[in-house]
Amino acid sequence: MNARIGTVQDVTVDVGYETAKTAYGVGATAAALVGLWGAACLIGGLADAGLVGLVKGLVTALTGI
């Protein structure tokens, strides 16, 4: 009968670092998606109302007049 004998290696993992790295990646991806969506909305608004209409709508939204 043949038996395999493996070696045992100690592996040290910094769980806090790995968790922070993953959270940073998720946050950066979410921020990129929000930024792309905002840019798409801005381009859509410019295409629909033009620059003057977009500025007029912004002023109206801020002042309520």
PDB file of N, CA and C in Angstrom:
ATOM      1  N   MET A   1       0.840  -1.161   0.000  1.00  0.00           N
ATOM      2  CA  MET A   1       0.000   0.000   0.000  1.00  0.00           C
ATOM      3  C   MET A   1       0.896   1.239   0.000  1.00  0.00           C
ATOM      4  N   ASN A   2       0.598   2.174  -0.889  1.00  0.00           N
ATOM      5  CA  ASN A   2       1.355   3.423  -0.977  1.00  0.00           C
ATOM      6  C   ASN A   2       0.578   4.539  -0.284  1.00  0.00           C
ATOM      7  N   ALA A   3       1.256   5.336   0.453  1.00  0.00           N
ATOM      8  CA  ALA A   3       0.610   6.454   1.150  1.00  0.00           C
ATOM      9  C   ALA A   3       1.339   7.740   0.785  1.00  0.00           C
ATOM     10  N   ARG A   4       0.574   8.776   0.582  1.00  0.00           N
ATOM     11  CA  ARG A   4       1.162  10.094   0.298  1.00  0.00           C
ATOM     12  C   ARG A   4       1.306  10.856   1.590  1.00  0.00           C
ATOM     13  N   ILE A   5       2.437  11.452   1.749  1.00  0.00           N
ATOM     14  CA  ILE A   5       2.668  12.274   2.927  1.00  0.00           C
ATOM     15  C   ILE A   5       2.825  13.711   2.448  1.00  0.00           C
ATOM     16  N   GLY A   6       1.902  14.563   2.869  1.00  0.00           N
ATOM     17  CA  GLY A   6       1.948  15.974   2.469  1.00  0.00           C
ATOM     18  C   GLY A   6       2.583  16.806   3.560  1.00  0.00           C
ATOM     19  N   THR A   7       2.991  17.973   3.170  1.00  0.00           N
ATOM     20  CA  THR A   7       3.562  18.886   4.149  1.00  0.00           C
ATOM     21  C   THR A   7       2.507  19.901   4.550  1.00  0.00           C
ATOM     22  N   VAL A   8       2.610  20.342   5.760  1.00  0.00           N
ATOM     23  CA  VAL A   8       1.683  21.338   6.279  1.00  0.00           C
ATOM     24  C   VAL A   8       2.388  22.680   6.270  1.00  0.00           C
ATOM     25  N   GLN A   9       1.708  23.684   5.727  1.00  0.00           N
ATOM     26  CA  GLN A   9       2.273  25.025   5.686  1.00  0.00           C
ATOM     27  C   GLN A   9       1.368  25.962   6.467  1.00  0.00           C
ATOM     28  N   ASP A  10       1.987  26.830   7.217  1.00  0.00           N
ATOM     29  CA  ASP A  10       1.227  27.846   7.933  1.00  0.00           C
ATOM     30  C   ASP A  10       0.985  29.022   6.997  1.00  0.00           C
ATOM     31  N   VAL A  11      -0.255  29.443   6.930  1.00  0.00           N
ATOM     32  CA  VAL A  11      -0.624  30.575   6.095  1.00  0.00           C
ATOM     33  C   VAL A  11      -1.245  31.630   6.996  1.00  0.00           C
ATOM     34  N   THR A  12      -0.710  32.823   6.927  1.00  0.00           N
ATOM     35  CA  THR A  12      -1.237  33.923   7.723  1.00  0.00           C
ATOM     36  C   THR A  12      -2.002  34.863   6.805  1.00  0.00           C
ATOM     37  N   VAL A  13      -3.247  35.102   7.135  1.00  0.00           N
ATOM     38  CA  VAL A  13      -4.090  35.975   6.336  1.00  0.00           C
ATOM     39  C   VAL A  13      -4.569  37.116   7.227  1.00  0.00           C
ATOM     40  N   ASP A  14      -4.377  38.329   6.774  1.00  0.00           N
ATOM     41  CA  ASP A  14      -4.873  39.496   7.494  1.00  0.00           C
ATOM     42  C   ASP A  14      -6.306  39.757   7.033  1.00  0.00           C
ATOM     43  N   VAL A  15      -7.266  39.303   7.819  1.00  0.00           N
ATOM     44  CA  VAL A  15      -8.674  39.379   7.430  1.00  0.00           C
ATOM     45  C   VAL A  15      -9.126  40.828   7.313  1.00  0.00           C
ATOM     46  N   GLY A  16      -8.666  41.680   8.190  1.00  0.00           N
ATOM     47  CA  GLY A  16      -9.050  43.087   8.128  1.00  0.00           C
ATOM     48  C   GLY A  16      -8.608  43.745   6.836  1.00  0.00           C
ATOM     49  N   TYR A  17      -7.380  43.434   6.418  1.00  0.00           N
ATOM     50  CA  TYR A  17      -6.865  43.997   5.167  1.00  0.00           C
ATOM     51  C   TYR A  17      -7.660  43.492   3.971  1.00  0.00           C
ATOM     52  N   GLU A  18      -7.932  42.213   3.927  1.00  0.00           N
ATOM     53  CA  GLU A  18      -8.681  41.631   2.811  1.00  0.00           C
ATOM     54  C   GLU A  18     -10.099  42.180   2.759  1.00  0.00           C
ATOM     55  N   THR A  19     -10.719  42.350   3.919  1.00  0.00           N
ATOM     56  CA  THR A  19     -12.071  42.900   3.965  1.00  0.00           C
ATOM     57  C   THR A  19     -12.077  44.346   3.493  1.00  0.00           C
ATOM     58  N   ALA A  20     -11.103  45.122   3.935  1.00  0.00           N
ATOM     59  CA  ALA A  20     -11.019  46.519   3.522  1.00  0.00           C
ATOM     60  C   ALA A  20     -10.759  46.627   2.026  1.00  0.00           C
ATOM     61  N   LYS A  21      -9.909  45.760   1.499  1.00  0.00           N
ATOM     62  CA  LYS A  21      -9.614  45.776   0.070  1.00  0.00           C
ATOM     63  C   LYS A  21     -10.870  45.458  -0.749  1.00  0.00           C
ATOM     64  N   THR A  22     -11.649  44.501  -0.296  1.00  0.00           N
ATOM     65  CA  THR A  22     -12.882  44.146  -0.984  1.00  0.00           C
ATOM     66  C   THR A  22     -13.902  45.276  -0.889  1.00  0.00           C
ATOM     67  N   ALA A  23     -14.037  45.870   0.292  1.00  0.00           N
ATOM     68  CA  ALA A  23     -14.982  46.973   0.463  1.00  0.00           C
ATOM     69  C   ALA A  23     -14.588  48.161  -0.404  1.00  0.00           C
ATOM     70  N   TYR A  24     -13.298  48.436  -0.507  1.00  0.00           N
ATOM     71  CA  TYR A  24     -12.826  49.524  -1.358  1.00  0.00           C
ATOM     72  C   TYR A  24     -13.172  49.243  -2.821  1.00  0.00           C
ATOM     73  N   GLY A  25     -12.981  48.022  -3.251  1.00  0.00           N
ATOM     74  CA  GLY A  25     -13.305  47.668  -4.638  1.00  0.00           C
ATOM     75  C   GLY A  25     -14.786  47.812  -4.933  1.00  0.00           C
ATOM     76  N   VAL A  26     -15.617  47.373  -4.002  1.00  0.00           N
ATOM     77  CA  VAL A  26     -17.064  47.492  -4.185  1.00  0.00           C
ATOM     78  C   VAL A  26     -17.476  48.958  -4.199  1.00  0.00           C
ATOM     79  N   GLY A  27     -16.913  49.751  -3.288  1.00  0.00           N
ATOM     80  CA  GLY A  27     -17.234  51.176  -3.240  1.00  0.00           C
ATOM     81  C   GLY A  27     -16.787  51.914  -4.486  1.00  0.00           C
ATOM     82  N   ALA A  28     -15.601  51.606  -4.964  1.00  0.00           N
ATOM     83  CA  ALA A  28     -15.099  52.260  -6.173  1.00  0.00           C
ATOM     84  C   ALA A  28     -15.941  51.893  -7.386  1.00  0.00           C
ATOM     85  N   THR A  29     -16.368  50.651  -7.465  1.00  0.00           N
ATOM     86  CA  THR A  29     -17.219  50.225  -8.572  1.00  0.00           C
ATOM     87  C   THR A  29     -18.574  50.923  -8.515  1.00  0.00           C
ATOM     88  N   ALA A  30     -19.154  51.021  -7.325  1.00  0.00           N
ATOM     89  CA  ALA A  30     -20.438  51.710  -7.172  1.00  0.00           C
ATOM     90  C   ALA A  30     -20.301  53.185  -7.535  1.00  0.00           C
ATOM     91  N   ALA A  31     -19.215  53.825  -7.108  1.00  0.00           N
ATOM     92  CA  ALA A  31     -19.008  55.240  -7.443  1.00  0.00           C
ATOM     93  C   ALA A  31     -18.849  55.440  -8.944  1.00  0.00           C
ATOM     94  N   ALA A  32     -18.160  54.526  -9.597  1.00  0.00           N
ATOM     95  CA  ALA A  32     -18.001  54.623 -11.046  1.00  0.00           C
ATOM     96  C   ALA A  32     -19.342  54.475 -11.757  1.00  0.00           C
ATOM     97  N   LEU A  33     -20.165  53.549 -11.300  1.00  0.00           N
ATOM     98  CA  LEU A  33     -21.485  53.368 -11.913  1.00  0.00           C
ATOM     99  C   LEU A  33     -22.367  54.595 -11.699  1.00  0.00           C
ATOM    100  N   VAL A  34     -22.328  55.176 -10.513  1.00  0.00           N
ATOM    101  CA  VAL A  34     -23.115  56.388 -10.243  1.00  0.00           C
ATOM    102  C   VAL A  34     -22.623  57.541 -11.115  1.00  0.00           C
ATOM    103  N   GLY A  35     -21.321  57.680 -11.264  1.00  0.00           N
ATOM    104  CA  GLY A  35     -20.767  58.730 -12.107  1.00  0.00           C
ATOM    105  C   GLY A  35     -21.152  58.568 -13.571  1.00  0.00           C
ATOM    106  N   LEU A  36     -21.107  57.344 -14.060  1.00  0.00           N
ATOM    107  CA  LEU A  36     -21.516  57.091 -15.447  1.00  0.00           C
ATOM    108  C   LEU A  36     -23.001  57.380 -15.645  1.00  0.00           C
ATOM    109  N   TRP A  37     -23.818  56.992 -14.663  1.00  0.00           N
ATOM    110  CA  TRP A  37     -25.257  57.257 -14.761  1.00  0.00           C
ATOM    111  C   TRP A  37     -25.520  58.767 -14.748  1.00  0.00           C
ATOM    112  N   GLY A  38     -24.816  59.508 -13.907  1.00  0.00           N
ATOM    113  CA  GLY A  38     -24.965  60.961 -13.869  1.00  0.00           C
ATOM    114  C   GLY A  38     -24.569  61.609 -15.183  1.00  0.00           C
ATOM    115  N   ALA A  39     -23.477  61.146 -15.774  1.00  0.00           N
ATOM    116  CA  ALA A  39     -23.043  61.679 -17.066  1.00  0.00           C
ATOM    117  C   ALA A  39     -24.071  61.378 -18.151  1.00  0.00           C
ATOM    118  N   ALA A  40     -24.640  60.178 -18.119  1.00  0.00           N
ATOM    119  CA  ALA A  40     -25.663  59.822 -19.104  1.00  0.00           C
ATOM    120  C   ALA A  40     -26.907  60.704 -18.944  1.00  0.00           C
ATOM    121  N   CYS A  41     -27.281  60.989 -17.696  1.00  0.00           N
ATOM    122  CA  CYS A  41     -28.441  61.855 -17.457  1.00  0.00           C
ATOM    123  C   CYS A  41     -28.165  63.280 -17.926  1.00  0.00           C
ATOM    124  N   LEU A  42     -26.950  63.768 -17.699  1.00  0.00           N
ATOM    125  CA  LEU A  42     -26.588  65.110 -18.143  1.00  0.00           C
ATOM    126  C   LEU A  42     -26.617  65.204 -19.665  1.00  0.00           C
ATOM    127  N   ILE A  43     -26.090  64.210 -20.329  1.00  0.00           N
ATOM    128  CA  ILE A  43     -26.103  64.199 -21.794  1.00  0.00           C
ATOM    129  C   ILE A  43     -27.536  64.113 -22.310  1.00  0.00           C
ATOM    130  N   GLY A  44     -28.358  63.300 -21.665  1.00  0.00           N
ATOM    131  CA  GLY A  44     -29.772  63.209 -22.053  1.00  0.00           C
ATOM    132  C   GLY A  44     -30.498  64.528 -21.860  1.00  0.00           C
ATOM    133  N   GLY A  45     -30.225  65.217 -20.760  1.00  0.00           N
ATOM    134  CA  GLY A  45     -30.847  66.518 -20.527  1.00  0.00           C
ATOM    135  C   GLY A  45     -30.402  67.551 -21.541  1.00  0.00           C
ATOM    136  N   LEU A  46     -29.123  67.530 -21.885  1.00  0.00           N
ATOM    137  CA  LEU A  46     -28.629  68.455 -22.908  1.00  0.00           C
ATOM    138  C   LEU A  46     -29.256  68.164 -24.266  1.00  0.00           C
ATOM    139  N   ALA A  47     -29.435  66.895 -24.590  1.00  0.00           N
ATOM    140  CA  ALA A  47     -30.024  66.531 -25.870  1.00  0.00           C
ATOM    141  C   ALA A  47     -31.508  66.904 -25.927  1.00  0.00           C
ATOM    142  N   ASP A  48     -32.175  66.840 -24.784  1.00  0.00           N
ATOM    143  CA  ASP A  48     -33.612  67.109 -24.758  1.00  0.00           C
ATOM    144  C   ASP A  48     -33.917  68.605 -24.706  1.00  0.00           C
ATOM    145  N   ALA A  49     -33.264  69.343 -23.810  1.00  0.00           N
ATOM    146  CA  ALA A  49     -33.625  70.743 -23.580  1.00  0.00           C
ATOM    147  C   ALA A  49     -32.576  71.723 -24.069  1.00  0.00           C
ATOM    148  N   GLY A  50     -31.397  71.278 -24.376  1.00  0.00           N
ATOM    149  CA  GLY A  50     -30.333  72.189 -24.770  1.00  0.00           C
ATOM    150  C   GLY A  50     -29.683  72.809 -23.546  1.00  0.00           C
ATOM    151  N   LEU A  51     -28.610  73.525 -23.773  1.00  0.00           N
ATOM    152  CA  LEU A  51     -27.846  74.103 -22.671  1.00  0.00           C
ATOM    153  C   LEU A  51     -28.658  75.172 -21.933  1.00  0.00           C
ATOM    154  N   VAL A  52     -29.335  76.037 -22.681  1.00  0.00           N
ATOM    155  CA  VAL A  52     -30.105  77.117 -22.053  1.00  0.00           C
ATOM    156  C   VAL A  52     -31.253  76.534 -21.240  1.00  0.00           C
ATOM    157  N   GLY A  53     -31.954  75.577 -21.797  1.00  0.00           N
ATOM    158  CA  GLY A  53     -33.069  74.952 -21.080  1.00  0.00           C
ATOM    159  C   GLY A  53     -32.600  74.220 -19.833  1.00  0.00           C
ATOM    160  N   LEU A  54     -31.434  73.601 -19.911  1.00  0.00           N
ATOM    161  CA  LEU A  54     -30.891  72.887 -18.760  1.00  0.00           C
ATOM    162  C   LEU A  54     -30.515  73.858 -17.642  1.00  0.00           C
ATOM    163  N   VAL A  55     -29.883  74.967 -17.988  1.00  0.00           N
ATOM    164  CA  VAL A  55     -29.518  75.975 -16.986  1.00  0.00           C
ATOM    165  C   VAL A  55     -30.770  76.613 -16.401  1.00  0.00           C
ATOM    166  N   LYS A  56     -31.768  76.900 -17.248  1.00  0.00           N
ATOM    167  CA  LYS A  56     -33.033  77.481 -16.772  1.00  0.00           C
ATOM    168  C   LYS A  56     -33.723  76.518 -15.800  1.00  0.00           C
ATOM    169  N   GLY A  57     -33.738  75.244 -16.110  1.00  0.00           N
ATOM    170  CA  GLY A  57     -34.328  74.250 -15.223  1.00  0.00           C
ATOM    171  C   GLY A  57     -33.575  74.137 -13.902  1.00  0.00           C
ATOM    172  N   LEU A  58     -32.260  74.238 -13.933  1.00  0.00           N
ATOM    173  CA  LEU A  58     -31.457  74.192 -12.720  1.00  0.00           C
ATOM    174  C   LEU A  58     -31.748  75.392 -11.831  1.00  0.00           C
ATOM    175  N   VAL A  59     -31.798  76.584 -12.426  1.00  0.00           N
ATOM    176  CA  VAL A  59     -32.093  77.787 -11.652  1.00  0.00           C
ATOM    177  C   VAL A  59     -33.502  77.704 -11.064  1.00  0.00           C
ATOM    178  N   THR A  60     -34.446  77.211 -11.840  1.00  0.00           N
ATOM    179  CA  THR A  60     -35.812  77.064 -11.350  1.00  0.00           C
ATOM    180  C   THR A  60     -35.876  76.062 -10.206  1.00  0.00           C
ATOM    181  N   ALA A  61     -35.145  74.990 -10.298  1.00  0.00           N
ATOM    182  CA  ALA A  61     -35.134  73.981  -9.243  1.00  0.00           C
ATOM    183  C   ALA A  61     -34.497  74.518  -7.961  1.00  0.00           C
ATOM    184  N   LEU A  62     -33.471  75.337  -8.083  1.00  0.00           N
ATOM    185  CA  LEU A  62     -32.783  75.869  -6.916  1.00  0.00           C
ATOM    186  C   LEU A  62     -33.552  77.007  -6.250  1.00  0.00           C
ATOM    187  N   THR A  63     -34.167  77.870  -7.051  1.00  0.00           N
ATOM    188  CA  THR A  63     -34.846  79.035  -6.483  1.00  0.00           C
ATOM    189  C   THR A  63     -36.332  78.836  -6.283  1.00  0.00           C
ATOM    190  N   GLY A  64     -36.943  77.949  -7.041  1.00  0.00           N
ATOM    191  CA  GLY A  64     -38.394  77.725  -6.937  1.00  0.00           C
ATOM    192  C   GLY A  64     -39.196  78.737  -7.711  1.00  0.00           C
ATOM    193  N   ILE A  65     -38.547  79.587  -8.476  1.00  0.00           N
ATOM    194  CA  ILE A  65     -39.252  80.621  -9.263  1.00  0.00           C
ATOM    195  C   ILE A  65     -39.482  80.135 -10.669  1.00  0.00           C
TER     196      ILE A  65
END
